Amino acid sequence: MEGTSLIAWMAWTWQTAIFFVFVASCLIAMTIWELRVPGGGPRRGILGLDTTRGDRLFITLLGSAYIFLAWLGIMGTPLWAPFGISLVYGFAVFRWA
């Protein structure tokens, strides 16, 4: 590995960096939110599960990943439509799940 950095094999792009900054920002924001306004007990939503804010964030991120992968597999690029679908999905999960 002479002359290369340890993460050069990962082929980082600005889009990848923004994604990881977004996920880290979500985790930091959720931590601050929970410290300032404790969420109390879990609530039962339309999914039939008892979920906390952190659970709903995880469900949103995981579901959004599947939305993007399905879109890429079926439609290809550009990715503005799955981005919009993921935003609506995330809002719905936090509101009703």
N, C-alpha and C. Protein backbone atom coordinates (compact mmCIF):
# COMPACT_ATOMS: atom_id res chain seq x y z
N MET A 1 0.83 -1.19 0.00
CA MET A 1 0.00 0.00 0.00
C MET A 1 0.87 1.25 0.00
N GLU A 2 1.88 1.21 -0.73
CA GLU A 2 2.77 2.35 -0.77
C GLU A 2 2.16 3.48 -1.59
N GLY A 3 2.07 4.64 -0.98
CA GLY A 3 1.57 5.82 -1.68
C GLY A 3 0.05 5.94 -1.74
N THR A 4 -0.68 5.04 -1.09
CA THR A 4 -2.15 5.14 -1.10
C THR A 4 -2.64 5.32 0.33
N SER A 5 -3.80 5.92 0.44
CA SER A 5 -4.38 6.08 1.76
C SER A 5 -5.16 4.82 2.14
N LEU A 6 -5.50 4.72 3.40
CA LEU A 6 -6.19 3.52 3.87
C LEU A 6 -7.62 3.42 3.38
N ILE A 7 -8.24 4.56 2.99
CA ILE A 7 -9.63 4.50 2.53
C ILE A 7 -9.77 4.74 1.02
N ALA A 8 -8.68 4.71 0.31
CA ALA A 8 -8.75 4.94 -1.13
C ALA A 8 -9.54 3.86 -1.85
N TRP A 9 -9.54 2.65 -1.33
CA TRP A 9 -10.28 1.55 -1.95
C TRP A 9 -11.78 1.75 -1.88
N MET A 10 -12.26 2.67 -1.01
CA MET A 10 -13.69 2.86 -0.84
C MET A 10 -14.30 3.76 -1.92
N ALA A 11 -13.49 4.44 -2.69
CA ALA A 11 -13.97 5.30 -3.77
C ALA A 11 -15.00 6.32 -3.27
N TRP A 12 -14.64 7.09 -2.27
CA TRP A 12 -15.52 8.09 -1.69
C TRP A 12 -15.86 9.15 -2.73
N THR A 13 -17.11 9.53 -2.75
CA THR A 13 -17.57 10.64 -3.57
C THR A 13 -18.22 11.66 -2.65
N TRP A 14 -18.52 12.83 -3.17
CA TRP A 14 -19.16 13.83 -2.32
C TRP A 14 -20.56 13.38 -1.93
N GLN A 15 -21.23 12.60 -2.78
CA GLN A 15 -22.55 12.09 -2.45
C GLN A 15 -22.49 11.11 -1.27
N THR A 16 -21.48 10.26 -1.28
CA THR A 16 -21.30 9.31 -0.19
C THR A 16 -21.01 10.04 1.11
N ALA A 17 -20.15 11.04 1.04
CA ALA A 17 -19.82 11.83 2.24
C ALA A 17 -21.07 12.53 2.78
N ILE A 18 -21.89 13.10 1.90
CA ILE A 18 -23.12 13.76 2.35
C ILE A 18 -24.05 12.75 3.01
N PHE A 19 -24.16 11.56 2.47
CA PHE A 19 -25.01 10.53 3.07
C PHE A 19 -24.56 10.22 4.50
N PHE A 20 -23.28 10.00 4.70
CA PHE A 20 -22.79 9.67 6.03
C PHE A 20 -22.91 10.86 6.99
N VAL A 21 -22.72 12.07 6.49
CA VAL A 21 -22.93 13.26 7.32
C VAL A 21 -24.41 13.36 7.70
N PHE A 22 -25.32 13.04 6.77
CA PHE A 22 -26.75 13.07 7.06
C PHE A 22 -27.12 12.07 8.15
N VAL A 23 -26.63 10.84 8.04
CA VAL A 23 -26.94 9.82 9.05
C VAL A 23 -26.38 10.24 10.41
N ALA A 24 -25.15 10.73 10.45
CA ALA A 24 -24.56 11.19 11.71
C ALA A 24 -25.36 12.36 12.27
N SER A 25 -25.80 13.28 11.42
CA SER A 25 -26.61 14.42 11.87
C SER A 25 -27.94 13.96 12.44
N CYS A 26 -28.55 12.96 11.82
CA CYS A 26 -29.80 12.41 12.36
C CYS A 26 -29.60 11.84 13.75
N LEU A 27 -28.53 11.09 13.93
CA LEU A 27 -28.26 10.49 15.24
C LEU A 27 -27.98 11.57 16.29
N ILE A 28 -27.24 12.60 15.93
CA ILE A 28 -26.95 13.69 16.86
C ILE A 28 -28.24 14.44 17.19
N ALA A 29 -29.04 14.75 16.18
CA ALA A 29 -30.31 15.47 16.40
C ALA A 29 -31.26 14.66 17.28
N MET A 30 -31.33 13.34 17.04
CA MET A 30 -32.21 12.49 17.86
C MET A 30 -31.72 12.45 19.31
N THR A 31 -30.42 12.44 19.51
CA THR A 31 -29.86 12.44 20.87
C THR A 31 -30.21 13.73 21.59
N ILE A 32 -30.02 14.86 20.92
CA ILE A 32 -30.35 16.16 21.51
C ILE A 32 -31.83 16.25 21.81
N TRP A 33 -32.65 15.80 20.85
CA TRP A 33 -34.11 15.84 21.03
C TRP A 33 -34.52 15.01 22.25
N GLU A 34 -33.94 13.82 22.38
CA GLU A 34 -34.29 12.94 23.49
C GLU A 34 -33.82 13.53 24.83
N LEU A 35 -32.67 14.19 24.84
CA LEU A 35 -32.18 14.80 26.08
C LEU A 35 -33.05 15.99 26.50
N ARG A 36 -33.48 16.78 25.53
CA ARG A 36 -34.29 17.97 25.85
C ARG A 36 -35.74 17.63 26.16
N VAL A 37 -36.32 16.71 25.38
CA VAL A 37 -37.72 16.32 25.55
C VAL A 37 -37.78 14.79 25.57
N PRO A 38 -37.66 14.20 26.76
CA PRO A 38 -37.70 12.73 26.81
C PRO A 38 -38.98 12.18 26.17
N GLY A 39 -38.82 11.13 25.38
CA GLY A 39 -39.93 10.59 24.62
C GLY A 39 -40.93 9.78 25.42
N GLY A 40 -40.60 9.47 26.65
CA GLY A 40 -41.52 8.67 27.45
C GLY A 40 -41.54 7.23 26.97
N GLY A 41 -42.67 6.58 27.20
CA GLY A 41 -42.80 5.17 26.82
C GLY A 41 -43.02 5.01 25.33
N PRO A 42 -42.79 3.81 24.85
CA PRO A 42 -43.05 3.53 23.43
C PRO A 42 -44.52 3.68 23.09
N ARG A 43 -44.80 3.95 21.83
CA ARG A 43 -46.19 4.03 21.39
C ARG A 43 -46.44 2.99 20.32
N ARG A 44 -47.69 2.56 20.23
CA ARG A 44 -48.07 1.54 19.25
C ARG A 44 -48.73 2.24 18.07
N GLY A 45 -48.18 2.02 16.89
CA GLY A 45 -48.70 2.66 15.69
C GLY A 45 -49.33 1.66 14.74
N ILE A 46 -49.44 2.07 13.48
CA ILE A 46 -50.10 1.22 12.49
C ILE A 46 -49.28 -0.03 12.15
N LEU A 47 -48.00 -0.04 12.49
CA LEU A 47 -47.19 -1.22 12.24
C LEU A 47 -47.49 -2.33 13.24
N GLY A 48 -48.19 -1.99 14.33
CA GLY A 48 -48.50 -2.97 15.35
C GLY A 48 -47.34 -3.24 16.29
N LEU A 49 -46.32 -2.40 16.24
CA LEU A 49 -45.15 -2.54 17.10
C LEU A 49 -45.11 -1.40 18.10
N ASP A 50 -44.54 -1.66 19.26
CA ASP A 50 -44.25 -0.57 20.19
C ASP A 50 -42.92 0.03 19.77
N THR A 51 -42.93 1.29 19.36
CA THR A 51 -41.72 1.92 18.84
C THR A 51 -41.41 3.20 19.59
N THR A 52 -40.12 3.49 19.70
CA THR A 52 -39.63 4.75 20.24
C THR A 52 -39.16 5.61 19.07
N ARG A 53 -38.72 6.82 19.35
CA ARG A 53 -38.21 7.69 18.28
C ARG A 53 -37.04 7.04 17.55
N GLY A 54 -36.13 6.44 18.30
CA GLY A 54 -34.98 5.78 17.69
C GLY A 54 -35.39 4.63 16.80
N ASP A 55 -36.37 3.86 17.24
CA ASP A 55 -36.89 2.77 16.41
C ASP A 55 -37.45 3.30 15.10
N ARG A 56 -38.22 4.38 15.19
CA ARG A 56 -38.82 4.96 13.99
C ARG A 56 -37.76 5.53 13.05
N LEU A 57 -36.67 6.09 13.60
CA LEU A 57 -35.57 6.56 12.76
C LEU A 57 -34.94 5.38 12.03
N PHE A 58 -34.69 4.30 12.74
CA PHE A 58 -34.10 3.11 12.12
C PHE A 58 -35.00 2.55 11.03
N ILE A 59 -36.30 2.44 11.32
CA ILE A 59 -37.26 1.94 10.32
C ILE A 59 -37.28 2.85 9.10
N THR A 60 -37.21 4.16 9.33
CA THR A 60 -37.20 5.11 8.21
C THR A 60 -35.95 4.95 7.36
N LEU A 61 -34.77 4.88 7.99
CA LEU A 61 -33.53 4.74 7.23
C LEU A 61 -33.48 3.42 6.47
N LEU A 62 -33.90 2.36 7.12
CA LEU A 62 -33.89 1.05 6.46
C LEU A 62 -34.88 1.01 5.30
N GLY A 63 -36.09 1.51 5.53
CA GLY A 63 -37.09 1.54 4.46
C GLY A 63 -36.66 2.42 3.29
N SER A 64 -36.03 3.54 3.60
CA SER A 64 -35.55 4.43 2.53
C SER A 64 -34.47 3.75 1.70
N ALA A 65 -33.61 2.98 2.36
CA ALA A 65 -32.58 2.25 1.61
C ALA A 65 -33.23 1.27 0.64
N TYR A 66 -34.27 0.57 1.09
CA TYR A 66 -34.97 -0.36 0.20
C TYR A 66 -35.69 0.37 -0.94
N ILE A 67 -36.24 1.54 -0.64
CA ILE A 67 -36.90 2.33 -1.70
C ILE A 67 -35.88 2.69 -2.77
N PHE A 68 -34.71 3.18 -2.36
CA PHE A 68 -33.68 3.55 -3.33
C PHE A 68 -33.17 2.34 -4.11
N LEU A 69 -32.94 1.22 -3.42
CA LEU A 69 -32.45 0.02 -4.13
C LEU A 69 -33.47 -0.51 -5.12
N ALA A 70 -34.74 -0.51 -4.73
CA ALA A 70 -35.79 -0.96 -5.65
C ALA A 70 -35.87 -0.03 -6.86
N TRP A 71 -35.79 1.27 -6.62
CA TRP A 71 -35.85 2.23 -7.73
C TRP A 71 -34.67 2.02 -8.67
N LEU A 72 -33.47 1.86 -8.12
CA LEU A 72 -32.30 1.64 -8.96
C LEU A 72 -32.43 0.34 -9.76
N GLY A 73 -32.96 -0.69 -9.14
CA GLY A 73 -33.10 -1.97 -9.83
C GLY A 73 -34.16 -1.95 -10.91
N ILE A 74 -35.21 -1.16 -10.73
CA ILE A 74 -36.32 -1.15 -11.68
C ILE A 74 -36.20 -0.02 -12.69
N MET A 75 -35.92 1.18 -12.20
CA MET A 75 -35.96 2.38 -13.05
C MET A 75 -34.59 2.93 -13.41
N GLY A 76 -33.60 2.76 -12.55
CA GLY A 76 -32.28 3.36 -12.77
C GLY A 76 -32.24 4.79 -12.25
N THR A 77 -31.37 5.59 -12.84
CA THR A 77 -31.24 6.98 -12.41
C THR A 77 -32.14 7.86 -13.25
N PRO A 78 -32.44 9.08 -12.87
CA PRO A 78 -32.05 9.85 -11.70
C PRO A 78 -32.81 9.42 -10.46
N LEU A 79 -32.34 9.89 -9.30
CA LEU A 79 -32.87 9.42 -8.03
C LEU A 79 -33.70 10.46 -7.29
N TRP A 80 -34.23 11.44 -7.97
CA TRP A 80 -35.05 12.46 -7.31
C TRP A 80 -36.40 11.90 -6.86
N ALA A 81 -36.99 11.03 -7.64
CA ALA A 81 -38.29 10.45 -7.27
C ALA A 81 -38.19 9.59 -6.01
N PRO A 82 -37.22 8.68 -5.90
CA PRO A 82 -37.14 7.91 -4.66
C PRO A 82 -36.78 8.78 -3.46
N PHE A 83 -36.08 9.88 -3.70
CA PHE A 83 -35.79 10.82 -2.62
C PHE A 83 -37.09 11.40 -2.08
N GLY A 84 -37.97 11.82 -2.96
CA GLY A 84 -39.27 12.35 -2.55
C GLY A 84 -40.12 11.29 -1.87
N ILE A 85 -40.12 10.09 -2.43
CA ILE A 85 -40.88 8.99 -1.83
C ILE A 85 -40.35 8.69 -0.43
N SER A 86 -39.04 8.71 -0.26
CA SER A 86 -38.44 8.44 1.04
C SER A 86 -38.79 9.52 2.06
N LEU A 87 -38.85 10.77 1.63
CA LEU A 87 -39.25 11.84 2.54
C LEU A 87 -40.68 11.65 3.02
N VAL A 88 -41.57 11.32 2.09
CA VAL A 88 -42.97 11.07 2.46
C VAL A 88 -43.06 9.84 3.37
N TYR A 89 -42.32 8.80 3.03
CA TYR A 89 -42.29 7.58 3.85
C TYR A 89 -41.79 7.89 5.26
N GLY A 90 -40.71 8.66 5.37
CA GLY A 90 -40.17 9.03 6.68
C GLY A 90 -41.15 9.83 7.50
N PHE A 91 -41.83 10.78 6.87
CA PHE A 91 -42.85 11.55 7.58
C PHE A 91 -43.95 10.64 8.08
N ALA A 92 -44.41 9.71 7.23
CA ALA A 92 -45.48 8.80 7.62
C ALA A 92 -45.06 7.89 8.77
N VAL A 93 -43.83 7.41 8.74
CA VAL A 93 -43.36 6.53 9.82
C VAL A 93 -43.31 7.30 11.14
N PHE A 94 -42.79 8.53 11.13
CA PHE A 94 -42.70 9.29 12.37
C PHE A 94 -44.08 9.74 12.85
N ARG A 95 -45.00 9.93 11.95
CA ARG A 95 -46.33 10.41 12.33
C ARG A 95 -47.24 9.29 12.80
N TRP A 96 -47.27 8.18 12.07
CA TRP A 96 -48.27 7.15 12.33
C TRP A 96 -47.73 5.81 12.77
N ALA A 97 -46.44 5.59 12.70
CA ALA A 97 -45.91 4.25 13.07
C ALA A 97 -45.49 4.20 14.52
